[in-house]
Amino acid sequence: MAPKLYPSLRFTDPDAAIRFLQDAFGFAEHTVYRADDGAVRHAELALGDEMIMFGKGDPAQHGIYIAVDDIDAQYARAKAAGAEITRELADTDYGSREFAARDLDGHDWYFGTYRP
């Protein structure tokens, strides 16, 4: 069964993080999307059957991405429960439909149809 929960991290130097995670922990590069200038926009690294996703940013910013089958129902449920919606439900240019919400303690949760 494919994973559905993906930790989503931020690193100040994503290229260094890729090398470190490979060397220190045995992660393998699944895919890396780069900007025109070569900077990492989004990276996916695998360790066995599990994956993490990350990009450039403040390491204090992190969250969980959850792949779901019925994104519209998940969005309606989150709104009905009073979750703070931080990014409205929308289609992405990479073929996913996603939204983001924040829980009671400020943790970021990302839901979408994208499966790495």
PDB file of N, CA and C in Angstrom:
ATOM      1  N   MET A   1       0.851  -1.177   0.000  1.00  0.00           N
ATOM      2  CA  MET A   1       0.000   0.000   0.000  1.00  0.00           C
ATOM      3  C   MET A   1       0.893   1.236   0.000  1.00  0.00           C
ATOM      4  N   ALA A   2       0.547   2.197  -0.810  1.00  0.00           N
ATOM      5  CA  ALA A   2       1.318   3.438  -0.888  1.00  0.00           C
ATOM      6  C   ALA A   2       1.115   4.270   0.370  1.00  0.00           C
ATOM      7  N   PRO A   3       2.167   4.973   0.809  1.00  0.00           N
ATOM      8  CA  PRO A   3       2.008   5.824   1.993  1.00  0.00           C
ATOM      9  C   PRO A   3       0.999   6.939   1.738  1.00  0.00           C
ATOM     10  N   LYS A   4       0.403   7.423   2.807  1.00  0.00           N
ATOM     11  CA  LYS A   4      -0.539   8.533   2.714  1.00  0.00           C
ATOM     12  C   LYS A   4      -0.094   9.718   3.545  1.00  0.00           C
ATOM     13  N   LEU A   5       0.795   9.507   4.511  1.00  0.00           N
ATOM     14  CA  LEU A   5       1.302  10.577   5.364  1.00  0.00           C
ATOM     15  C   LEU A   5       2.743  10.889   4.970  1.00  0.00           C
ATOM     16  N   TYR A   6       3.022  12.161   4.712  1.00  0.00           N
ATOM     17  CA  TYR A   6       4.351  12.588   4.296  1.00  0.00           C
ATOM     18  C   TYR A   6       4.796  13.774   5.139  1.00  0.00           C
ATOM     19  N   PRO A   7       5.822  13.614   5.987  1.00  0.00           N
ATOM     20  CA  PRO A   7       6.355  14.791   6.673  1.00  0.00           C
ATOM     21  C   PRO A   7       6.819  15.806   5.633  1.00  0.00           C
ATOM     22  N   SER A   8       6.539  17.056   5.884  1.00  0.00           N
ATOM     23  CA  SER A   8       6.914  18.141   4.979  1.00  0.00           C
ATOM     24  C   SER A   8       7.814  19.101   5.751  1.00  0.00           C
ATOM     25  N   LEU A   9       9.089  19.155   5.347  1.00  0.00           N
ATOM     26  CA  LEU A   9      10.095  19.908   6.072  1.00  0.00           C
ATOM     27  C   LEU A   9      10.596  21.100   5.268  1.00  0.00           C
ATOM     28  N   ARG A  10      11.349  21.969   5.927  1.00  0.00           N
ATOM     29  CA  ARG A  10      12.034  23.088   5.276  1.00  0.00           C
ATOM     30  C   ARG A  10      13.483  23.055   5.715  1.00  0.00           C
ATOM     31  N   PHE A  11      14.380  23.332   4.780  1.00  0.00           N
ATOM     32  CA  PHE A  11      15.809  23.407   5.058  1.00  0.00           C
ATOM     33  C   PHE A  11      16.356  24.708   4.490  1.00  0.00           C
ATOM     34  N   THR A  12      17.315  25.300   5.185  1.00  0.00           N
ATOM     35  CA  THR A  12      17.925  26.533   4.677  1.00  0.00           C
ATOM     36  C   THR A  12      18.752  26.248   3.434  1.00  0.00           C
ATOM     37  N   ASP A  13      19.311  25.033   3.315  1.00  0.00           N
ATOM     38  CA  ASP A  13      20.091  24.633   2.139  1.00  0.00           C
ATOM     39  C   ASP A  13      19.606  23.252   1.699  1.00  0.00           C
ATOM     40  N   PRO A  14      18.586  23.197   0.840  1.00  0.00           N
ATOM     41  CA  PRO A  14      18.025  21.909   0.435  1.00  0.00           C
ATOM     42  C   PRO A  14      19.031  20.972  -0.239  1.00  0.00           C
ATOM     43  N   ASP A  15      19.970  21.505  -1.024  1.00  0.00           N
ATOM     44  CA  ASP A  15      20.965  20.639  -1.660  1.00  0.00           C
ATOM     45  C   ASP A  15      21.842  19.956  -0.621  1.00  0.00           C
ATOM     46  N   ALA A  16      22.264  20.707   0.389  1.00  0.00           N
ATOM     47  CA  ALA A  16      23.059  20.118   1.468  1.00  0.00           C
ATOM     48  C   ALA A  16      22.228  19.095   2.227  1.00  0.00           C
ATOM     49  N   ALA A  17      20.950  19.380   2.414  1.00  0.00           N
ATOM     50  CA  ALA A  17      20.066  18.445   3.119  1.00  0.00           C
ATOM     51  C   ALA A  17      19.935  17.139   2.344  1.00  0.00           C
ATOM     52  N   ILE A  18      19.801  17.224   1.033  1.00  0.00           N
ATOM     53  CA  ILE A  18      19.704  16.009   0.213  1.00  0.00           C
ATOM     54  C   ILE A  18      20.945  15.146   0.428  1.00  0.00           C
ATOM     55  N   ARG A  19      22.122  15.758   0.316  1.00  0.00           N
ATOM     56  CA  ARG A  19      23.369  15.005   0.490  1.00  0.00           C
ATOM     57  C   ARG A  19      23.462  14.401   1.893  1.00  0.00           C
ATOM     58  N   PHE A  20      23.135  15.208   2.903  1.00  0.00           N
ATOM     59  CA  PHE A  20      23.211  14.730   4.282  1.00  0.00           C
ATOM     60  C   PHE A  20      22.249  13.568   4.523  1.00  0.00           C
ATOM     61  N   LEU A  21      21.003  13.719   4.115  1.00  0.00           N
ATOM     62  CA  LEU A  21      20.008  12.674   4.356  1.00  0.00           C
ATOM     63  C   LEU A  21      20.366  11.379   3.630  1.00  0.00           C
ATOM     64  N   GLN A  22      20.980  11.509   2.461  1.00  0.00           N
ATOM     65  CA  GLN A  22      21.444  10.314   1.746  1.00  0.00           C
ATOM     66  C   GLN A  22      22.612   9.670   2.483  1.00  0.00           C
ATOM     67  N   ASP A  23      23.606  10.468   2.830  1.00  0.00           N
ATOM     68  CA  ASP A  23      24.819   9.941   3.466  1.00  0.00           C
ATOM     69  C   ASP A  23      24.573   9.439   4.886  1.00  0.00           C
ATOM     70  N   ALA A  24      23.850  10.204   5.674  1.00  0.00           N
ATOM     71  CA  ALA A  24      23.685   9.887   7.090  1.00  0.00           C
ATOM     72  C   ALA A  24      22.596   8.856   7.368  1.00  0.00           C
ATOM     73  N   PHE A  25      21.506   8.906   6.618  1.00  0.00           N
ATOM     74  CA  PHE A  25      20.351   8.083   6.953  1.00  0.00           C
ATOM     75  C   PHE A  25      19.939   7.102   5.866  1.00  0.00           C
ATOM     76  N   GLY A  26      20.591   7.173   4.695  1.00  0.00           N
ATOM     77  CA  GLY A  26      20.294   6.225   3.634  1.00  0.00           C
ATOM     78  C   GLY A  26      19.104   6.558   2.759  1.00  0.00           C
ATOM     79  N   PHE A  27      18.653   7.805   2.784  1.00  0.00           N
ATOM     80  CA  PHE A  27      17.559   8.195   1.903  1.00  0.00           C
ATOM     81  C   PHE A  27      18.019   8.143   0.447  1.00  0.00           C
ATOM     82  N   ALA A  28      17.081   7.895  -0.458  1.00  0.00           N
ATOM     83  CA  ALA A  28      17.347   7.919  -1.892  1.00  0.00           C
ATOM     84  C   ALA A  28      16.502   9.013  -2.528  1.00  0.00           C
ATOM     85  N   GLU A  29      17.069   9.698  -3.494  1.00  0.00           N
ATOM     86  CA  GLU A  29      16.335  10.756  -4.194  1.00  0.00           C
ATOM     87  C   GLU A  29      15.231  10.123  -5.032  1.00  0.00           C
ATOM     88  N   HIS A  30      13.995  10.526  -4.769  1.00  0.00           N
ATOM     89  CA  HIS A  30      12.856  10.075  -5.570  1.00  0.00           C
ATOM     90  C   HIS A  30      12.656  11.049  -6.725  1.00  0.00           C
ATOM     91  N   THR A  31      12.564  12.334  -6.389  1.00  0.00           N
ATOM     92  CA  THR A  31      12.467  13.373  -7.414  1.00  0.00           C
ATOM     93  C   THR A  31      12.835  14.712  -6.793  1.00  0.00           C
ATOM     94  N   VAL A  32      13.399  15.585  -7.608  1.00  0.00           N
ATOM     95  CA  VAL A  32      13.725  16.949  -7.179  1.00  0.00           C
ATOM     96  C   VAL A  32      13.297  17.890  -8.299  1.00  0.00           C
ATOM     97  N   TYR A  33      12.462  18.849  -7.946  1.00  0.00           N
ATOM     98  CA  TYR A  33      12.030  19.873  -8.893  1.00  0.00           C
ATOM     99  C   TYR A  33      12.827  21.135  -8.610  1.00  0.00           C
ATOM    100  N   ARG A  34      13.408  21.692  -9.667  1.00  0.00           N
ATOM    101  CA  ARG A  34      14.271  22.862  -9.511  1.00  0.00           C
ATOM    102  C   ARG A  34      13.718  24.056 -10.270  1.00  0.00           C
ATOM    103  N   ALA A  35      14.022  25.229  -9.749  1.00  0.00           N
ATOM    104  CA  ALA A  35      13.682  26.485 -10.418  1.00  0.00           C
ATOM    105  C   ALA A  35      14.654  26.679 -11.583  1.00  0.00           C
ATOM    106  N   ASP A  36      14.400  27.664 -12.411  1.00  0.00           N
ATOM    107  CA  ASP A  36      15.264  27.959 -13.557  1.00  0.00           C
ATOM    108  C   ASP A  36      16.708  28.219 -13.150  1.00  0.00           C
ATOM    109  N   ASP A  37      16.899  28.764 -11.948  1.00  0.00           N
ATOM    110  CA  ASP A  37      18.261  29.057 -11.487  1.00  0.00           C
ATOM    111  C   ASP A  37      18.938  27.846 -10.827  1.00  0.00           C
ATOM    112  N   GLY A  38      18.261  26.696 -10.822  1.00  0.00           N
ATOM    113  CA  GLY A  38      18.828  25.478 -10.249  1.00  0.00           C
ATOM    114  C   GLY A  38      18.487  25.233  -8.794  1.00  0.00           C
ATOM    115  N   ALA A  39      17.864  26.199  -8.139  1.00  0.00           N
ATOM    116  CA  ALA A  39      17.504  26.053  -6.727  1.00  0.00           C
ATOM    117  C   ALA A  39      16.405  25.003  -6.568  1.00  0.00           C
ATOM    118  N   VAL A  40      16.478  24.251  -5.486  1.00  0.00           N
ATOM    119  CA  VAL A  40      15.464  23.239  -5.198  1.00  0.00           C
ATOM    120  C   VAL A  40      14.152  23.932  -4.864  1.00  0.00           C
ATOM    121  N   ARG A  41      13.113  23.611  -5.622  1.00  0.00           N
ATOM    122  CA  ARG A  41      11.763  24.098  -5.313  1.00  0.00           C
ATOM    123  C   ARG A  41      11.028  23.097  -4.438  1.00  0.00           C
ATOM    124  N   HIS A  42      11.219  21.800  -4.747  1.00  0.00           N
ATOM    125  CA  HIS A  42      10.524  20.742  -4.025  1.00  0.00           C
ATOM    126  C   HIS A  42      11.331  19.459  -4.201  1.00  0.00           C
ATOM    127  N   ALA A  43      11.555  18.733  -3.108  1.00  0.00           N
ATOM    128  CA  ALA A  43      12.291  17.477  -3.165  1.00  0.00           C
ATOM    129  C   ALA A  43      11.492  16.381  -2.474  1.00  0.00           C
ATOM    130  N   GLU A  44      11.630  15.181  -2.991  1.00  0.00           N
ATOM    131  CA  GLU A  44      11.021  14.005  -2.386  1.00  0.00           C
ATOM    132  C   GLU A  44      12.111  12.959  -2.255  1.00  0.00           C
ATOM    133  N   LEU A  45      12.358  12.509  -1.025  1.00  0.00           N
ATOM    134  CA  LEU A  45      13.361  11.482  -0.752  1.00  0.00           C
ATOM    135  C   LEU A  45      12.674  10.286  -0.123  1.00  0.00           C
ATOM    136  N   ALA A  46      13.121   9.100  -0.508  1.00  0.00           N
ATOM    137  CA  ALA A  46      12.517   7.868  -0.012  1.00  0.00           C
ATOM    138  C   ALA A  46      13.488   7.119   0.892  1.00  0.00           C
ATOM    139  N   LEU A  47      12.915   6.465   1.875  1.00  0.00           N
ATOM    140  CA  LEU A  47      13.642   5.545   2.740  1.00  0.00           C
ATOM    141  C   LEU A  47      12.784   4.289   2.780  1.00  0.00           C
ATOM    142  N   GLY A  48      13.173   3.302   1.974  1.00  0.00           N
ATOM    143  CA  GLY A  48      12.309   2.137   1.815  1.00  0.00           C
ATOM    144  C   GLY A  48      11.020   2.558   1.127  1.00  0.00           C
ATOM    145  N   ASP A  49       9.890   2.199   1.739  1.00  0.00           N
ATOM    146  CA  ASP A  49       8.580   2.539   1.167  1.00  0.00           C
ATOM    147  C   ASP A  49       8.044   3.883   1.638  1.00  0.00           C
ATOM    148  N   GLU A  50       8.766   4.556   2.504  1.00  0.00           N
ATOM    149  CA  GLU A  50       8.291   5.823   3.073  1.00  0.00           C
ATOM    150  C   GLU A  50       8.991   7.011   2.418  1.00  0.00           C
ATOM    151  N   MET A  51       8.369   8.174   2.480  1.00  0.00           N
ATOM    152  CA  MET A  51       8.935   9.370   1.871  1.00  0.00           C
ATOM    153  C   MET A  51       8.781  10.583   2.753  1.00  0.00           C
ATOM    154  N   ILE A  52       9.692  11.531   2.519  1.00  0.00           N
ATOM    155  CA  ILE A  52       9.569  12.874   3.071  1.00  0.00           C
ATOM    156  C   ILE A  52       9.580  13.836   1.898  1.00  0.00           C
ATOM    157  N   MET A  53       9.014  15.015   2.122  1.00  0.00           N
ATOM    158  CA  MET A  53       9.026  16.079   1.116  1.00  0.00           C
ATOM    159  C   MET A  53       9.598  17.319   1.777  1.00  0.00           C
ATOM    160  N   PHE A  54      10.322  18.135   1.003  1.00  0.00           N
ATOM    161  CA  PHE A  54      10.832  19.373   1.578  1.00  0.00           C
ATOM    162  C   PHE A  54      11.222  20.365   0.503  1.00  0.00           C
ATOM    163  N   GLY A  55      11.468  21.580   0.977  1.00  0.00           N
ATOM    164  CA  GLY A  55      11.927  22.665   0.130  1.00  0.00           C
ATOM    165  C   GLY A  55      12.747  23.636   0.963  1.00  0.00           C
ATOM    166  N   LYS A  56      13.018  24.788   0.381  1.00  0.00           N
ATOM    167  CA  LYS A  56      13.823  25.802   1.058  1.00  0.00           C
ATOM    168  C   LYS A  56      12.920  26.626   1.970  1.00  0.00           C
ATOM    169  N   GLY A  57      13.447  26.958   3.139  1.00  0.00           N
ATOM    170  CA  GLY A  57      12.682  27.797   4.037  1.00  0.00           C
ATOM    171  C   GLY A  57      13.188  27.716   5.456  1.00  0.00           C
ATOM    172  N   ASP A  58      12.434  28.313   6.324  1.00  0.00           N
ATOM    173  CA  ASP A  58      12.736  28.336   7.748  1.00  0.00           C
ATOM    174  C   ASP A  58      12.530  26.936   8.327  1.00  0.00           C
ATOM    175  N   PRO A  59      13.565  26.340   8.916  1.00  0.00           N
ATOM    176  CA  PRO A  59      13.418  24.990   9.467  1.00  0.00           C
ATOM    177  C   PRO A  59      12.327  24.868  10.525  1.00  0.00           C
ATOM    178  N   ALA A  60      11.910  25.981  11.107  1.00  0.00           N
ATOM    179  CA  ALA A  60      10.822  25.922  12.086  1.00  0.00           C
ATOM    180  C   ALA A  60       9.481  25.668  11.401  1.00  0.00           C
ATOM    181  N   GLN A  61       9.416  25.902  10.096  1.00  0.00           N
ATOM    182  CA  GLN A  61       8.191  25.646   9.343  1.00  0.00           C
ATOM    183  C   GLN A  61       8.201  24.196   8.894  1.00  0.00           C
ATOM    184  N   HIS A  62       7.237  23.465   9.330  1.00  0.00           N
ATOM    185  CA  HIS A  62       7.114  22.084   8.918  1.00  0.00           C
ATOM    186  C   HIS A  62       5.659  21.680   9.074  1.00  0.00           C
ATOM    187  N   GLY A  63       5.310  20.565   8.532  1.00  0.00           N
ATOM    188  CA  GLY A  63       3.941  20.105   8.641  1.00  0.00           C
ATOM    189  C   GLY A  63       3.831  18.686   8.140  1.00  0.00           C
ATOM    190  N   ILE A  64       2.611  18.261   7.955  1.00  0.00           N
ATOM    191  CA  ILE A  64       2.319  16.925   7.466  1.00  0.00           C
ATOM    192  C   ILE A  64       1.459  17.080   6.216  1.00  0.00           C
ATOM    193  N   TYR A  65       1.839  16.369   5.165  1.00  0.00           N
ATOM    194  CA  TYR A  65       1.012  16.298   3.958  1.00  0.00           C
ATOM    195  C   TYR A  65       0.300  14.949   3.991  1.00  0.00           C
ATOM    196  N   ILE A  66      -1.004  14.974   3.731  1.00  0.00           N
ATOM    197  CA  ILE A  66      -1.795  13.749   3.735  1.00  0.00           C
ATOM    198  C   ILE A  66      -2.502  13.615   2.401  1.00  0.00           C
ATOM    199  N   ALA A  67      -2.234  12.519   1.706  1.00  0.00           N
ATOM    200  CA  ALA A  67      -2.904  12.229   0.437  1.00  0.00           C
ATOM    201  C   ALA A  67      -4.256  11.598   0.744  1.00  0.00           C
ATOM    202  N   VAL A  68      -5.310  12.164   0.180  1.00  0.00           N
ATOM    203  CA  VAL A  68      -6.661  11.646   0.410  1.00  0.00           C
ATOM    204  C   VAL A  68      -7.360  11.431  -0.927  1.00  0.00           C
ATOM    205  N   ASP A  69      -8.337  10.547  -0.906  1.00  0.00           N
ATOM    206  CA  ASP A  69      -9.089  10.256  -2.125  1.00  0.00           C
ATOM    207  C   ASP A  69     -10.183  11.288  -2.386  1.00  0.00           C
ATOM    208  N   ASP A  70     -10.878  11.720  -1.316  1.00  0.00           N
ATOM    209  CA  ASP A  70     -11.998  12.664  -1.474  1.00  0.00           C
ATOM    210  C   ASP A  70     -11.628  13.992  -0.816  1.00  0.00           C
ATOM    211  N   ILE A  71     -10.884  14.804  -1.543  1.00  0.00           N
ATOM    212  CA  ILE A  71     -10.381  16.070  -1.004  1.00  0.00           C
ATOM    213  C   ILE A  71     -11.510  17.041  -0.674  1.00  0.00           C
ATOM    214  N   ASP A  72     -12.569  17.041  -1.465  1.00  0.00           N
ATOM    215  CA  ASP A  72     -13.675  17.958  -1.201  1.00  0.00           C
ATOM    216  C   ASP A  72     -14.357  17.637   0.125  1.00  0.00           C
ATOM    217  N   ALA A  73     -14.528  16.352   0.421  1.00  0.00           N
ATOM    218  CA  ALA A  73     -15.130  15.949   1.701  1.00  0.00           C
ATOM    219  C   ALA A  73     -14.195  16.292   2.857  1.00  0.00           C
ATOM    220  N   GLN A  74     -12.882  16.095   2.661  1.00  0.00           N
ATOM    221  CA  GLN A  74     -11.915  16.419   3.723  1.00  0.00           C
ATOM    222  C   GLN A  74     -11.928  17.916   4.020  1.00  0.00           C
ATOM    223  N   TYR A  75     -11.996  18.728   2.967  1.00  0.00           N
ATOM    224  CA  TYR A  75     -12.050  20.182   3.128  1.00  0.00           C
ATOM    225  C   TYR A  75     -13.323  20.587   3.883  1.00  0.00           C
ATOM    226  N   ALA A  76     -14.471  20.031   3.486  1.00  0.00           N
ATOM    227  CA  ALA A  76     -15.743  20.362   4.143  1.00  0.00           C
ATOM    228  C   ALA A  76     -15.698  19.970   5.620  1.00  0.00           C
ATOM    229  N   ARG A  77     -15.117  18.830   5.909  1.00  0.00           N
ATOM    230  CA  ARG A  77     -15.010  18.373   7.297  1.00  0.00           C
ATOM    231  C   ARG A  77     -14.150  19.319   8.120  1.00  0.00           C
ATOM    232  N   ALA A  78     -12.984  19.718   7.574  1.00  0.00           N
ATOM    233  CA  ALA A  78     -12.090  20.627   8.296  1.00  0.00           C
ATOM    234  C   ALA A  78     -12.778  21.965   8.575  1.00  0.00           C
ATOM    235  N   LYS A  79     -13.443  22.511   7.564  1.00  0.00           N
ATOM    236  CA  LYS A  79     -14.149  23.790   7.742  1.00  0.00           C
ATOM    237  C   LYS A  79     -15.254  23.671   8.785  1.00  0.00           C
ATOM    238  N   ALA A  80     -16.027  22.603   8.711  1.00  0.00           N
ATOM    239  CA  ALA A  80     -17.143  22.414   9.637  1.00  0.00           C
ATOM    240  C   ALA A  80     -16.658  22.292  11.076  1.00  0.00           C
ATOM    241  N   ALA A  81     -15.471  21.750  11.266  1.00  0.00           N
ATOM    242  CA  ALA A  81     -14.918  21.590  12.611  1.00  0.00           C
ATOM    243  C   ALA A  81     -14.228  22.854  13.109  1.00  0.00           C
ATOM    244  N   GLY A  82     -14.173  23.889  12.272  1.00  0.00           N
ATOM    245  CA  GLY A  82     -13.582  25.152  12.681  1.00  0.00           C
ATOM    246  C   GLY A  82     -12.081  25.248  12.495  1.00  0.00           C
ATOM    247  N   ALA A  83     -11.490  24.365  11.677  1.00  0.00           N
ATOM    248  CA  ALA A  83     -10.053  24.462  11.410  1.00  0.00           C
ATOM    249  C   ALA A  83      -9.749  25.791  10.714  1.00  0.00           C
ATOM    250  N   GLU A  84      -8.608  26.368  11.050  1.00  0.00           N
ATOM    251  CA  GLU A  84      -8.170  27.594  10.381  1.00  0.00           C
ATOM    252  C   GLU A  84      -7.638  27.199   9.010  1.00  0.00           C
ATOM    253  N   ILE A  85      -8.344  27.584   7.964  1.00  0.00           N
ATOM    254  CA  ILE A  85      -7.919  27.272   6.600  1.00  0.00           C
ATOM    255  C   ILE A  85      -6.874  28.308   6.198  1.00  0.00           C
ATOM    256  N   THR A  86      -5.657  27.852   5.951  1.00  0.00           N
ATOM    257  CA  THR A  86      -4.561  28.768   5.614  1.00  0.00           C
ATOM    258  C   THR A  86      -4.310  28.849   4.116  1.00  0.00           C
ATOM    259  N   ARG A  87      -4.812  27.886   3.377  1.00  0.00           N
ATOM    260  CA  ARG A  87      -4.776  27.928   1.911  1.00  0.00           C
ATOM    261  C   ARG A  87      -6.046  27.247   1.425  1.00  0.00           C
ATOM    262  N   GLU A  88      -6.848  27.988   0.700  1.00  0.00           N
ATOM    263  CA  GLU A  88      -8.138  27.486   0.242  1.00  0.00           C
ATOM    264  C   GLU A  88      -7.969  26.322  -0.732  1.00  0.00           C
ATOM    265  N   LEU A  89      -8.985  25.513  -0.814  1.00  0.00           N
ATOM    266  CA  LEU A  89      -9.014  24.378  -1.721  1.00  0.00           C
ATOM    267  C   LEU A  89      -8.869  24.869  -3.159  1.00  0.00           C
ATOM    268  N   ALA A  90      -7.912  24.308  -3.873  1.00  0.00           N
ATOM    269  CA  ALA A  90      -7.657  24.734  -5.254  1.00  0.00           C
ATOM    270  C   ALA A  90      -6.922  23.648  -6.016  1.00  0.00           C
ATOM    271  N   ASP A  91      -7.036  23.707  -7.328  1.00  0.00           N
ATOM    272  CA  ASP A  91      -6.279  22.823  -8.214  1.00  0.00           C
ATOM    273  C   ASP A  91      -4.896  23.418  -8.416  1.00  0.00           C
ATOM    274  N   THR A  92      -3.880  22.555  -8.483  1.00  0.00           N
ATOM    275  CA  THR A  92      -2.506  23.003  -8.662  1.00  0.00           C
ATOM    276  C   THR A  92      -2.042  22.779 -10.096  1.00  0.00           C
ATOM    277  N   ASP A  93      -0.911  23.389 -10.450  1.00  0.00           N
ATOM    278  CA  ASP A  93      -0.364  23.205 -11.791  1.00  0.00           C
ATOM    279  C   ASP A  93       0.321  21.850 -11.949  1.00  0.00           C
ATOM    280  N   TYR A  94       0.475  21.089 -10.862  1.00  0.00           N
ATOM    281  CA  TYR A  94       1.081  19.761 -10.956  1.00  0.00           C
ATOM    282  C   TYR A  94       0.048  18.645 -10.810  1.00  0.00           C
ATOM    283  N   GLY A  95      -1.234  19.003 -10.997  1.00  0.00           N
ATOM    284  CA  GLY A  95      -2.279  17.995 -11.090  1.00  0.00           C
ATOM    285  C   GLY A  95      -2.935  17.563  -9.796  1.00  0.00           C
ATOM    286  N   SER A  96      -2.668  18.255  -8.712  1.00  0.00           N
ATOM    287  CA  SER A  96      -3.288  17.920  -7.445  1.00  0.00           C
ATOM    288  C   SER A  96      -4.406  18.905  -7.125  1.00  0.00           C
ATOM    289  N   ARG A  97      -5.250  18.518  -6.218  1.00  0.00           N
ATOM    290  CA  ARG A  97      -6.263  19.417  -5.648  1.00  0.00           C
ATOM    291  C   ARG A  97      -5.955  19.429  -4.168  1.00  0.00           C
ATOM    292  N   GLU A  98      -5.739  20.619  -3.585  1.00  0.00           N
ATOM    293  CA  GLU A  98      -5.190  20.708  -2.235  1.00  0.00           C
ATOM    294  C   GLU A  98      -5.760  21.860  -1.422  1.00  0.00           C
ATOM    295  N   PHE A  99      -5.583  21.743  -0.101  1.00  0.00           N
ATOM    296  CA  PHE A  99      -5.822  22.859   0.806  1.00  0.00           C
ATOM    297  C   PHE A  99      -4.900  22.687   2.004  1.00  0.00           C
ATOM    298  N   ALA A 100      -4.761  23.738   2.783  1.00  0.00           N
ATOM    299  CA  ALA A 100      -3.931  23.694   3.991  1.00  0.00           C
ATOM    300  C   ALA A 100      -4.740  24.252   5.153  1.00  0.00           C
ATOM    301  N   ALA A 101      -4.469  23.701   6.337  1.00  0.00           N
ATOM    302  CA  ALA A 101      -5.165  24.134   7.549  1.00  0.00           C
ATOM    303  C   ALA A 101      -4.190  24.113   8.712  1.00  0.00           C
ATOM    304  N   ARG A 102      -4.556  24.817   9.766  1.00  0.00           N
ATOM    305  CA  ARG A 102      -3.730  24.875  10.974  1.00  0.00           C
ATOM    306  C   ARG A 102      -4.560  24.343  12.134  1.00  0.00           C
ATOM    307  N   ASP A 103      -3.924  23.538  12.993  1.00  0.00           N
ATOM    308  CA  ASP A 103      -4.651  22.979  14.130  1.00  0.00           C
ATOM    309  C   ASP A 103      -4.611  23.928  15.324  1.00  0.00           C
ATOM    310  N   LEU A 104      -5.139  23.488  16.452  1.00  0.00           N
ATOM    311  CA  LEU A 104      -5.282  24.336  17.639  1.00  0.00           C
ATOM    312  C   LEU A 104      -3.960  24.848  18.187  1.00  0.00           C
ATOM    313  N   ASP A 105      -2.872  24.092  17.988  1.00  0.00           N
ATOM    314  CA  ASP A 105      -1.558  24.503  18.481  1.00  0.00           C
ATOM    315  C   ASP A 105      -0.676  25.108  17.401  1.00  0.00           C
ATOM    316  N   GLY A 106      -1.239  25.371  16.230  1.00  0.00           N
ATOM    317  CA  GLY A 106      -0.489  26.040  15.179  1.00  0.00           C
ATOM    318  C   GLY A 106       0.282  25.137  14.237  1.00  0.00           C
ATOM    319  N   HIS A 107       0.067  23.820  14.292  1.00  0.00           N
ATOM    320  CA  HIS A 107       0.722  22.907  13.363  1.00  0.00           C
ATOM    321  C   HIS A 107       0.062  23.009  11.994  1.00  0.00           C
ATOM    322  N   ASP A 108       0.864  22.943  10.952  1.00  0.00           N
ATOM    323  CA  ASP A 108       0.344  23.029   9.585  1.00  0.00           C
ATOM    324  C   ASP A 108       0.042  21.637   9.047  1.00  0.00           C
ATOM    325  N   TRP A 109      -1.130  21.507   8.448  1.00  0.00           N
ATOM    326  CA  TRP A 109      -1.595  20.261   7.841  1.00  0.00           C
ATOM    327  C   TRP A 109      -1.936  20.562   6.385  1.00  0.00           C
ATOM    328  N   TYR A 110      -1.432  19.721   5.495  1.00  0.00           N
ATOM    329  CA  TYR A 110      -1.664  19.889   4.062  1.00  0.00           C
ATOM    330  C   TYR A 110      -2.376  18.642   3.554  1.00  0.00           C
ATOM    331  N   PHE A 111      -3.483  18.831   2.875  1.00  0.00           N
ATOM    332  CA  PHE A 111      -4.265  17.724   2.333  1.00  0.00           C
ATOM    333  C   PHE A 111      -4.348  17.881   0.826  1.00  0.00           C
ATOM    334  N   GLY A 112      -4.232  16.771   0.105  1.00  0.00           N
ATOM    335  CA  GLY A 112      -4.324  16.849  -1.331  1.00  0.00           C
ATOM    336  C   GLY A 112      -4.455  15.492  -1.981  1.00  0.00           C
ATOM    337  N   THR A 113      -4.622  15.519  -3.285  1.00  0.00           N
ATOM    338  CA  THR A 113      -4.751  14.294  -4.061  1.00  0.00           C
ATOM    339  C   THR A 113      -3.413  13.847  -4.643  1.00  0.00           C
ATOM    340  N   TYR A 114      -2.368  14.666  -4.524  1.00  0.00           N
ATOM    341  CA  TYR A 114      -1.051  14.324  -5.052  1.00  0.00           C
ATOM    342  C   TYR A 114      -0.446  13.172  -4.265  1.00  0.00           C
ATOM    343  N   ARG A 115       0.072  12.200  -4.968  1.00  0.00           N
ATOM    344  CA  ARG A 115       0.789  11.077  -4.345  1.00  0.00           C
ATOM    345  C   ARG A 115       2.154  10.971  -5.019  1.00  0.00           C
ATOM    346  N   PRO A 116       3.213  11.234  -4.249  1.00  0.00           N
ATOM    347  CA  PRO A 116       4.560  11.162  -4.833  1.00  0.00           C
ATOM    348  C   PRO A 116       4.847   9.804  -5.454  1.00  0.00           C
TER     349      PRO A 116
END
